[in-house]
């Protein structure tokens, strides 16, 4: 995902020591100086939290859980992803509920039409 300058994959410790720690320290310093605060929200921020942020954004975007899960390196077809991020699919839940309502309305209309037709035939 983030190659080295030579195009190779970072080792976990190499990325942490050469990139991550410096970036977090710089962000924390800027946050403290810019906002005049003693402690920054970036202090204690881990790479794993960045991974959760990516997962959350994929869920909020409505990305297919199996595809999002695969991007995060999971091999369970999306089960873990859904357990962790399902609450972020509120819009999708509403869409699915609307589809169910439309199906019920369509079937109700079909049933009522069939009843009217049967009643007309019985009256003749």
C-alpha atoms as a PDB file:
ATOM      1  CA  UNK A   1       0.000   0.000   0.000  1.00  0.00           C
ATOM      2  CA  UNK A   2       2.800   2.424   0.925  1.00  0.00           C
ATOM      3  CA  UNK A   3       6.002   1.343  -0.876  1.00  0.00           C
ATOM      4  CA  UNK A   4       9.500   2.385   0.123  1.00  0.00           C
ATOM      5  CA  UNK A   5      11.467   4.726  -2.148  1.00  0.00           C
ATOM      6  CA  UNK A   6      12.883   1.612  -3.826  1.00  0.00           C
ATOM      7  CA  UNK A   7       9.367   0.288  -4.500  1.00  0.00           C
ATOM      8  CA  UNK A   8       9.537  -2.522  -1.974  1.00  0.00           C
ATOM      9  CA  UNK A   9       7.063  -3.220   0.800  1.00  0.00           C
ATOM     10  CA  UNK A  10       7.843  -1.690   4.177  1.00  0.00           C
ATOM     11  CA  UNK A  11       8.519  -3.924   7.099  1.00  0.00           C
ATOM     12  CA  UNK A  12       6.212  -3.186   9.998  1.00  0.00           C
ATOM     13  CA  UNK A  13       9.011  -1.837  12.194  1.00  0.00           C
ATOM     14  CA  UNK A  14      10.653   0.049   9.317  1.00  0.00           C
ATOM     15  CA  UNK A  15       7.487   1.948   8.463  1.00  0.00           C
ATOM     16  CA  UNK A  16       6.795   2.677  12.111  1.00  0.00           C
ATOM     17  CA  UNK A  17      10.314   3.933  12.850  1.00  0.00           C
ATOM     18  CA  UNK A  18      10.978   5.831   9.629  1.00  0.00           C
ATOM     19  CA  UNK A  19       7.552   7.258   8.804  1.00  0.00           C
ATOM     20  CA  UNK A  20       4.778   6.774  11.351  1.00  0.00           C
ATOM     21  CA  UNK A  21       6.425   8.008  14.561  1.00  0.00           C
ATOM     22  CA  UNK A  22       7.743  11.180  12.907  1.00  0.00           C
ATOM     23  CA  UNK A  23       4.387  11.898  11.259  1.00  0.00           C
ATOM     24  CA  UNK A  24       2.467  11.523  14.529  1.00  0.00           C
ATOM     25  CA  UNK A  25       4.982  13.687  16.406  1.00  0.00           C
ATOM     26  CA  UNK A  26       4.717  16.414  13.730  1.00  0.00           C
ATOM     27  CA  UNK A  27       0.906  16.289  13.720  1.00  0.00           C
ATOM     28  CA  UNK A  28       0.796  16.425  17.535  1.00  0.00           C
ATOM     29  CA  UNK A  29       3.201  19.380  17.672  1.00  0.00           C
ATOM     30  CA  UNK A  30       1.240  21.277  15.022  1.00  0.00           C
ATOM     31  CA  UNK A  31      -2.060  20.544  16.803  1.00  0.00           C
ATOM     32  CA  UNK A  32      -0.722  21.764  20.167  1.00  0.00           C
ATOM     33  CA  UNK A  33       0.823  24.928  18.701  1.00  0.00           C
ATOM     34  CA  UNK A  34      -2.093  25.766  16.407  1.00  0.00           C
ATOM     35  CA  UNK A  35      -4.737  25.268  19.086  1.00  0.00           C
ATOM     36  CA  UNK A  36      -2.765  26.305  22.170  1.00  0.00           C
ATOM     37  CA  UNK A  37      -3.411  23.034  23.957  1.00  0.00           C
ATOM     38  CA  UNK A  38      -1.257  20.831  26.178  1.00  0.00           C
ATOM     39  CA  UNK A  39      -2.289  17.466  24.734  1.00  0.00           C
ATOM     40  CA  UNK A  40      -3.051  16.692  21.110  1.00  0.00           C
ATOM     41  CA  UNK A  41      -5.693  14.335  19.784  1.00  0.00           C
ATOM     42  CA  UNK A  42      -2.918  12.712  17.740  1.00  0.00           C
ATOM     43  CA  UNK A  43      -0.952  11.548  20.765  1.00  0.00           C
ATOM     44  CA  UNK A  44      -1.432   7.821  21.074  1.00  0.00           C
ATOM     45  CA  UNK A  45      -2.844   7.569  17.551  1.00  0.00           C
ATOM     46  CA  UNK A  46      -1.872   4.169  16.164  1.00  0.00           C
ATOM     47  CA  UNK A  47      -1.657   2.790  12.674  1.00  0.00           C
ATOM     48  CA  UNK A  48      -4.392   0.346  13.666  1.00  0.00           C
ATOM     49  CA  UNK A  49      -6.727   3.302  14.309  1.00  0.00           C
ATOM     50  CA  UNK A  50      -5.993   4.454  10.774  1.00  0.00           C
ATOM     51  CA  UNK A  51      -7.059   0.994   9.597  1.00  0.00           C
ATOM     52  CA  UNK A  52     -10.342   1.380  11.525  1.00  0.00           C
ATOM     53  CA  UNK A  53     -10.817   4.771   9.904  1.00  0.00           C
ATOM     54  CA  UNK A  54     -10.422   3.181   6.464  1.00  0.00           C
ATOM     55  CA  UNK A  55     -12.937   0.470   7.395  1.00  0.00           C
ATOM     56  CA  UNK A  56     -15.396   3.050   8.681  1.00  0.00           C
ATOM     57  CA  UNK A  57     -15.112   5.136   5.534  1.00  0.00           C
ATOM     58  CA  UNK A  58     -15.680   2.076   3.349  1.00  0.00           C
ATOM     59  CA  UNK A  59     -18.790   1.218   5.379  1.00  0.00           C
ATOM     60  CA  UNK A  60     -20.111   4.793   5.255  1.00  0.00           C
ATOM     61  CA  UNK A  61     -19.581   4.793   1.492  1.00  0.00           C
ATOM     62  CA  UNK A  62     -21.797   1.720   1.287  1.00  0.00           C
ATOM     63  CA  UNK A  63     -19.011  -0.458  -0.068  1.00  0.00           C
ATOM     64  CA  UNK A  64     -19.870  -4.134  -0.424  1.00  0.00           C
ATOM     65  CA  UNK A  65     -18.830  -5.784   2.886  1.00  0.00           C
ATOM     66  CA  UNK A  66     -17.063  -8.671   1.139  1.00  0.00           C
ATOM     67  CA  UNK A  67     -14.996  -6.273  -1.007  1.00  0.00           C
ATOM     68  CA  UNK A  68     -14.205  -3.973   1.930  1.00  0.00           C
ATOM     69  CA  UNK A  69     -13.248  -6.952   4.044  1.00  0.00           C
ATOM     70  CA  UNK A  70     -10.888  -8.194   1.365  1.00  0.00           C
ATOM     71  CA  UNK A  71      -9.246  -4.763   1.148  1.00  0.00           C
ATOM     72  CA  UNK A  72      -8.609  -4.913   4.886  1.00  0.00           C
ATOM     73  CA  UNK A  73      -6.998  -8.331   4.501  1.00  0.00           C
ATOM     74  CA  UNK A  74      -9.791 -10.391   6.049  1.00  0.00           C
ATOM     75  CA  UNK A  75     -10.528 -13.839   4.639  1.00  0.00           C
ATOM     76  CA  UNK A  76     -13.988 -14.439   6.106  1.00  0.00           C
ATOM     77  CA  UNK A  77     -16.072 -12.973   3.274  1.00  0.00           C
ATOM     78  CA  UNK A  78     -17.101  -9.909   5.278  1.00  0.00           C
ATOM     79  CA  UNK A  79     -18.365 -11.431   8.549  1.00  0.00           C
ATOM     80  CA  UNK A  80     -15.821  -9.656  10.785  1.00  0.00           C
ATOM     81  CA  UNK A  81     -16.249  -6.430   8.822  1.00  0.00           C
ATOM     82  CA  UNK A  82     -20.017  -6.501   9.368  1.00  0.00           C
ATOM     83  CA  UNK A  83     -19.641  -7.244  13.081  1.00  0.00           C
ATOM     84  CA  UNK A  84     -17.326  -4.255  13.468  1.00  0.00           C
ATOM     85  CA  UNK A  85     -18.902  -1.707  11.092  1.00  0.00           C
ATOM     86  CA  UNK A  86     -22.573  -2.740  10.647  1.00  0.00           C
ATOM     87  CA  UNK A  87     -23.791   0.275  12.627  1.00  0.00           C
ATOM     88  CA  UNK A  88     -22.392   2.512   9.874  1.00  0.00           C
ATOM     89  CA  UNK A  89     -24.732   1.019   7.263  1.00  0.00           C
ATOM     90  CA  UNK A  90     -27.826   2.929   8.477  1.00  0.00           C
ATOM     91  CA  UNK A  91     -28.531   4.289   4.996  1.00  0.00           C
ATOM     92  CA  UNK A  92     -28.316   0.798   3.531  1.00  0.00           C
ATOM     93  CA  UNK A  93     -30.688  -0.542   6.203  1.00  0.00           C
ATOM     94  CA  UNK A  94     -33.230   2.144   5.266  1.00  0.00           C
ATOM     95  CA  UNK A  95     -32.852   1.303   1.572  1.00  0.00           C
ATOM     96  CA  UNK A  96     -33.449  -2.393   2.257  1.00  0.00           C
ATOM     97  CA  UNK A  97     -36.483  -1.630   4.447  1.00  0.00           C
ATOM     98  CA  UNK A  98     -37.907   0.523   1.639  1.00  0.00           C
ATOM     99  CA  UNK A  99     -37.403  -2.318  -0.859  1.00  0.00           C
ATOM    100  CA  UNK A 100     -39.226  -4.698   1.489  1.00  0.00           C
ATOM    101  CA  UNK A 101     -42.075  -2.199   1.840  1.00  0.00           C
ATOM    102  CA  UNK A 102     -42.331  -1.887  -1.951  1.00  0.00           C
ATOM    103  CA  UNK A 103     -42.476  -5.666  -2.310  1.00  0.00           C
ATOM    104  CA  UNK A 104     -45.226  -5.923   0.314  1.00  0.00           C
ATOM    105  CA  UNK A 105     -47.209  -3.117  -1.366  1.00  0.00           C
ATOM    106  CA  UNK A 106     -46.823  -4.727  -4.799  1.00  0.00           C
ATOM    107  CA  UNK A 107     -47.970  -8.129  -3.503  1.00  0.00           C
ATOM    108  CA  UNK A 108     -50.872  -6.562  -1.601  1.00  0.00           C
ATOM    109  CA  UNK A 109     -52.032  -4.823  -4.796  1.00  0.00           C
ATOM    110  CA  UNK A 110     -51.710  -8.066  -6.761  1.00  0.00           C
ATOM    111  CA  UNK A 111     -53.757  -9.907  -4.107  1.00  0.00           C
ATOM    112  CA  UNK A 112     -56.429  -7.174  -4.035  1.00  0.00           C
ATOM    113  CA  UNK A 113     -56.647  -7.201  -7.872  1.00  0.00           C
ATOM    114  CA  UNK A 114     -57.075 -10.976  -7.819  1.00  0.00           C
ATOM    115  CA  UNK A 115     -59.823 -10.677  -5.171  1.00  0.00           C
ATOM    116  CA  UNK A 116     -61.701  -8.057  -7.235  1.00  0.00           C
ATOM    117  CA  UNK A 117     -61.463 -10.224 -10.323  1.00  0.00           C
ATOM    118  CA  UNK A 118     -62.738 -13.271  -8.374  1.00  0.00           C
ATOM    119  CA  UNK A 119     -65.637 -11.200  -6.973  1.00  0.00           C
ATOM    120  CA  UNK A 120     -66.610 -10.004 -10.478  1.00  0.00           C
ATOM    121  CA  UNK A 121     -66.597 -13.545 -11.762  1.00  0.00           C
ATOM    122  CA  UNK A 122     -68.718 -14.685  -8.800  1.00  0.00           C
ATOM    123  CA  UNK A 123     -71.238 -11.896  -9.464  1.00  0.00           C
ATOM    124  CA  UNK A 124     -71.774 -12.915 -13.093  1.00  0.00           C
END
